[in-house]
């Protein structure tokens, strides 16, 4: 049963394109197979959204700028 639990990893992002790809790849390269990657982008103005989009359906969620607390609320509600 334990090996079928879904691990949800949330990456909060705002204009961190320099670190974003490494963070996403780190999650996707885990050996535990039942994972989902949720990237909450708070309306980045750098190339973050293009980086996120390049992963297609392997990761989820965009959000317009509204602040970090609002971004996290988007994930949980």
N, C-alpha and C. Protein backbone atom coordinates (compact mmCIF):
# COMPACT_ATOMS: atom_id res chain seq x y z
N UNK A 1 0.83 -1.20 0.00
CA UNK A 1 0.00 0.00 0.00
C UNK A 1 0.86 1.25 0.00
N UNK A 2 1.92 1.26 0.79
CA UNK A 2 2.77 2.44 0.91
C UNK A 2 3.36 2.87 -0.44
N UNK A 3 3.68 1.91 -1.31
CA UNK A 3 4.31 2.25 -2.57
C UNK A 3 3.33 2.83 -3.59
N UNK A 4 2.04 2.91 -3.26
CA UNK A 4 1.06 3.47 -4.18
C UNK A 4 0.56 4.84 -3.76
N UNK A 5 1.11 5.37 -2.68
CA UNK A 5 0.72 6.71 -2.26
C UNK A 5 1.27 7.74 -3.23
N UNK A 6 0.47 8.74 -3.55
CA UNK A 6 0.90 9.79 -4.45
C UNK A 6 1.65 10.87 -3.67
N UNK A 7 2.83 11.17 -4.11
CA UNK A 7 3.62 12.26 -3.53
C UNK A 7 3.44 13.49 -4.41
N UNK A 8 2.89 14.54 -3.85
CA UNK A 8 2.69 15.80 -4.58
C UNK A 8 3.79 16.77 -4.18
N UNK A 9 4.57 17.21 -5.14
CA UNK A 9 5.66 18.14 -4.88
C UNK A 9 5.27 19.48 -5.48
N UNK A 10 5.28 20.51 -4.63
CA UNK A 10 4.89 21.85 -5.06
C UNK A 10 6.15 22.71 -5.16
N UNK A 11 6.31 23.35 -6.33
CA UNK A 11 7.42 24.27 -6.54
C UNK A 11 6.81 25.66 -6.72
N UNK A 12 7.15 26.55 -5.82
CA UNK A 12 6.67 27.93 -5.89
C UNK A 12 7.70 28.75 -6.68
N UNK A 13 7.25 29.52 -7.65
CA UNK A 13 8.17 30.23 -8.53
C UNK A 13 7.72 31.65 -8.82
N UNK A 14 8.68 32.55 -8.81
CA UNK A 14 8.47 33.90 -9.33
C UNK A 14 9.82 34.39 -9.83
N UNK A 15 9.97 34.41 -11.14
CA UNK A 15 11.19 34.89 -11.80
C UNK A 15 12.46 34.17 -11.35
N UNK A 16 12.36 32.85 -11.20
CA UNK A 16 13.53 32.04 -10.84
C UNK A 16 13.90 31.10 -11.97
N UNK A 17 13.89 31.60 -13.20
CA UNK A 17 14.19 30.74 -14.35
C UNK A 17 15.55 30.05 -14.21
N UNK A 18 16.49 30.66 -13.52
CA UNK A 18 17.83 30.08 -13.37
C UNK A 18 17.81 28.78 -12.58
N UNK A 19 16.82 28.61 -11.72
CA UNK A 19 16.75 27.43 -10.84
C UNK A 19 15.59 26.50 -11.18
N UNK A 20 14.65 26.97 -11.96
CA UNK A 20 13.40 26.27 -12.18
C UNK A 20 13.58 24.91 -12.85
N UNK A 21 14.33 24.86 -13.93
CA UNK A 21 14.52 23.60 -14.65
C UNK A 21 15.19 22.55 -13.75
N UNK A 22 16.18 22.96 -12.99
CA UNK A 22 16.85 22.04 -12.08
C UNK A 22 15.89 21.51 -11.02
N UNK A 23 15.05 22.39 -10.49
CA UNK A 23 14.08 21.97 -9.47
C UNK A 23 13.07 20.98 -10.03
N UNK A 24 12.53 21.27 -11.22
CA UNK A 24 11.55 20.37 -11.85
C UNK A 24 12.20 19.04 -12.18
N UNK A 25 13.38 19.06 -12.79
CA UNK A 25 14.07 17.82 -13.15
C UNK A 25 14.40 16.98 -11.93
N UNK A 26 14.73 17.63 -10.84
CA UNK A 26 15.03 16.90 -9.61
C UNK A 26 13.83 16.07 -9.17
N UNK A 27 12.65 16.64 -9.27
CA UNK A 27 11.44 15.91 -8.90
C UNK A 27 11.16 14.80 -9.91
N UNK A 28 11.23 15.12 -11.19
CA UNK A 28 10.91 14.13 -12.22
C UNK A 28 11.89 12.96 -12.25
N UNK A 29 13.09 13.16 -11.72
CA UNK A 29 14.10 12.10 -11.73
C UNK A 29 14.10 11.24 -10.47
N UNK A 30 13.14 11.44 -9.59
CA UNK A 30 13.05 10.62 -8.39
C UNK A 30 12.73 9.18 -8.77
N UNK A 31 13.17 8.24 -7.96
CA UNK A 31 12.92 6.82 -8.24
C UNK A 31 11.51 6.40 -7.85
N UNK A 32 10.87 7.13 -6.95
CA UNK A 32 9.49 6.83 -6.57
C UNK A 32 8.60 7.23 -7.74
N UNK A 33 7.83 6.29 -8.25
CA UNK A 33 7.08 6.52 -9.48
C UNK A 33 5.79 7.31 -9.33
N UNK A 34 5.19 7.28 -8.16
CA UNK A 34 3.88 7.91 -7.98
C UNK A 34 4.04 9.34 -7.48
N UNK A 35 4.49 10.21 -8.37
CA UNK A 35 4.68 11.61 -8.01
C UNK A 35 3.92 12.51 -8.98
N UNK A 36 3.57 13.67 -8.49
CA UNK A 36 3.04 14.72 -9.36
C UNK A 36 3.80 15.99 -9.02
N UNK A 37 4.05 16.79 -10.04
CA UNK A 37 4.77 18.05 -9.85
C UNK A 37 3.79 19.19 -10.11
N UNK A 38 3.64 20.04 -9.12
CA UNK A 38 2.76 21.20 -9.24
C UNK A 38 3.65 22.44 -9.15
N UNK A 39 3.71 23.19 -10.24
CA UNK A 39 4.50 24.42 -10.24
C UNK A 39 3.53 25.58 -10.16
N UNK A 40 3.67 26.37 -9.12
CA UNK A 40 2.85 27.56 -8.95
C UNK A 40 3.70 28.75 -9.37
N UNK A 41 3.38 29.31 -10.51
CA UNK A 41 4.12 30.46 -11.01
C UNK A 41 3.31 31.71 -10.73
N UNK A 42 3.90 32.62 -10.01
CA UNK A 42 3.18 33.83 -9.59
C UNK A 42 3.34 34.96 -10.61
N UNK A 43 3.06 34.66 -11.88
CA UNK A 43 3.10 35.68 -12.92
C UNK A 43 4.49 36.14 -13.29
N UNK A 44 5.42 35.21 -13.39
CA UNK A 44 6.80 35.56 -13.72
C UNK A 44 6.89 36.34 -15.02
N UNK A 45 7.86 37.25 -15.08
CA UNK A 45 8.09 38.05 -16.28
C UNK A 45 9.36 37.62 -17.00
N UNK A 46 10.05 36.60 -16.48
CA UNK A 46 11.23 36.06 -17.17
C UNK A 46 10.78 34.88 -18.04
N UNK A 47 11.63 33.95 -18.34
CA UNK A 47 11.28 32.79 -19.18
C UNK A 47 10.70 31.62 -18.39
N UNK A 48 10.32 31.84 -17.16
CA UNK A 48 9.80 30.76 -16.33
C UNK A 48 8.60 30.05 -16.95
N UNK A 49 7.66 30.79 -17.45
CA UNK A 49 6.45 30.15 -17.99
C UNK A 49 6.76 29.33 -19.23
N UNK A 50 7.73 29.73 -20.03
CA UNK A 50 8.13 28.93 -21.18
C UNK A 50 8.80 27.63 -20.72
N UNK A 51 9.60 27.73 -19.68
CA UNK A 51 10.25 26.53 -19.13
C UNK A 51 9.19 25.57 -18.61
N UNK A 52 8.24 26.09 -17.86
CA UNK A 52 7.16 25.26 -17.33
C UNK A 52 6.38 24.61 -18.47
N UNK A 53 6.02 25.38 -19.46
CA UNK A 53 5.24 24.87 -20.59
C UNK A 53 5.99 23.77 -21.35
N UNK A 54 7.31 23.82 -21.35
CA UNK A 54 8.09 22.83 -22.10
C UNK A 54 7.95 21.42 -21.52
N UNK A 55 7.45 21.31 -20.31
CA UNK A 55 7.26 19.99 -19.69
C UNK A 55 5.89 19.39 -20.02
N UNK A 56 5.07 20.13 -20.71
CA UNK A 56 3.77 19.61 -21.12
C UNK A 56 2.92 19.18 -19.95
N UNK A 57 2.30 18.01 -20.07
CA UNK A 57 1.38 17.54 -19.03
C UNK A 57 2.08 16.82 -17.88
N UNK A 58 3.41 16.83 -17.87
CA UNK A 58 4.13 16.20 -16.75
C UNK A 58 4.09 17.06 -15.49
N UNK A 59 3.75 18.33 -15.64
CA UNK A 59 3.58 19.21 -14.49
C UNK A 59 2.30 20.02 -14.66
N UNK A 60 1.81 20.60 -13.59
CA UNK A 60 0.54 21.31 -13.67
C UNK A 60 0.62 22.69 -13.03
N UNK A 61 -0.23 23.56 -13.49
CA UNK A 61 -0.62 24.83 -12.89
C UNK A 61 0.22 26.06 -13.23
N UNK A 62 -0.46 27.05 -13.69
CA UNK A 62 0.05 28.41 -13.82
C UNK A 62 -0.83 29.30 -12.96
N UNK A 63 -0.36 30.46 -12.62
CA UNK A 63 -1.18 31.42 -11.90
C UNK A 63 -0.66 32.81 -12.18
N UNK A 64 -1.58 33.73 -12.33
CA UNK A 64 -1.18 35.12 -12.54
C UNK A 64 -0.67 35.73 -11.24
N UNK A 65 0.07 36.82 -11.37
CA UNK A 65 0.67 37.47 -10.21
C UNK A 65 -0.36 37.89 -9.19
N UNK A 66 -0.10 37.54 -7.94
CA UNK A 66 -0.98 37.93 -6.86
C UNK A 66 -0.31 37.79 -5.51
N UNK A 67 0.93 37.37 -5.51
CA UNK A 67 1.66 37.20 -4.25
C UNK A 67 1.81 35.74 -3.88
N UNK A 68 2.81 35.46 -3.06
CA UNK A 68 3.15 34.09 -2.70
C UNK A 68 2.02 33.40 -1.94
N UNK A 69 1.41 34.06 -1.00
CA UNK A 69 0.34 33.43 -0.22
C UNK A 69 -0.84 33.05 -1.12
N UNK A 70 -1.20 33.92 -2.05
CA UNK A 70 -2.28 33.64 -2.98
C UNK A 70 -1.90 32.47 -3.89
N UNK A 71 -0.64 32.41 -4.28
CA UNK A 71 -0.17 31.32 -5.13
C UNK A 71 -0.33 29.98 -4.43
N UNK A 72 0.05 29.90 -3.17
CA UNK A 72 -0.10 28.65 -2.42
C UNK A 72 -1.58 28.32 -2.20
N UNK A 73 -2.40 29.32 -1.96
CA UNK A 73 -3.83 29.07 -1.81
C UNK A 73 -4.41 28.43 -3.07
N UNK A 74 -3.90 28.82 -4.22
CA UNK A 74 -4.37 28.28 -5.49
C UNK A 74 -4.17 26.76 -5.54
N UNK A 75 -3.09 26.28 -4.94
CA UNK A 75 -2.80 24.85 -4.94
C UNK A 75 -3.76 24.09 -4.02
N UNK A 76 -4.05 24.65 -2.88
CA UNK A 76 -4.81 23.92 -1.86
C UNK A 76 -6.32 24.10 -1.95
N UNK A 77 -6.78 25.11 -2.68
CA UNK A 77 -8.22 25.34 -2.74
C UNK A 77 -8.74 25.30 -4.14
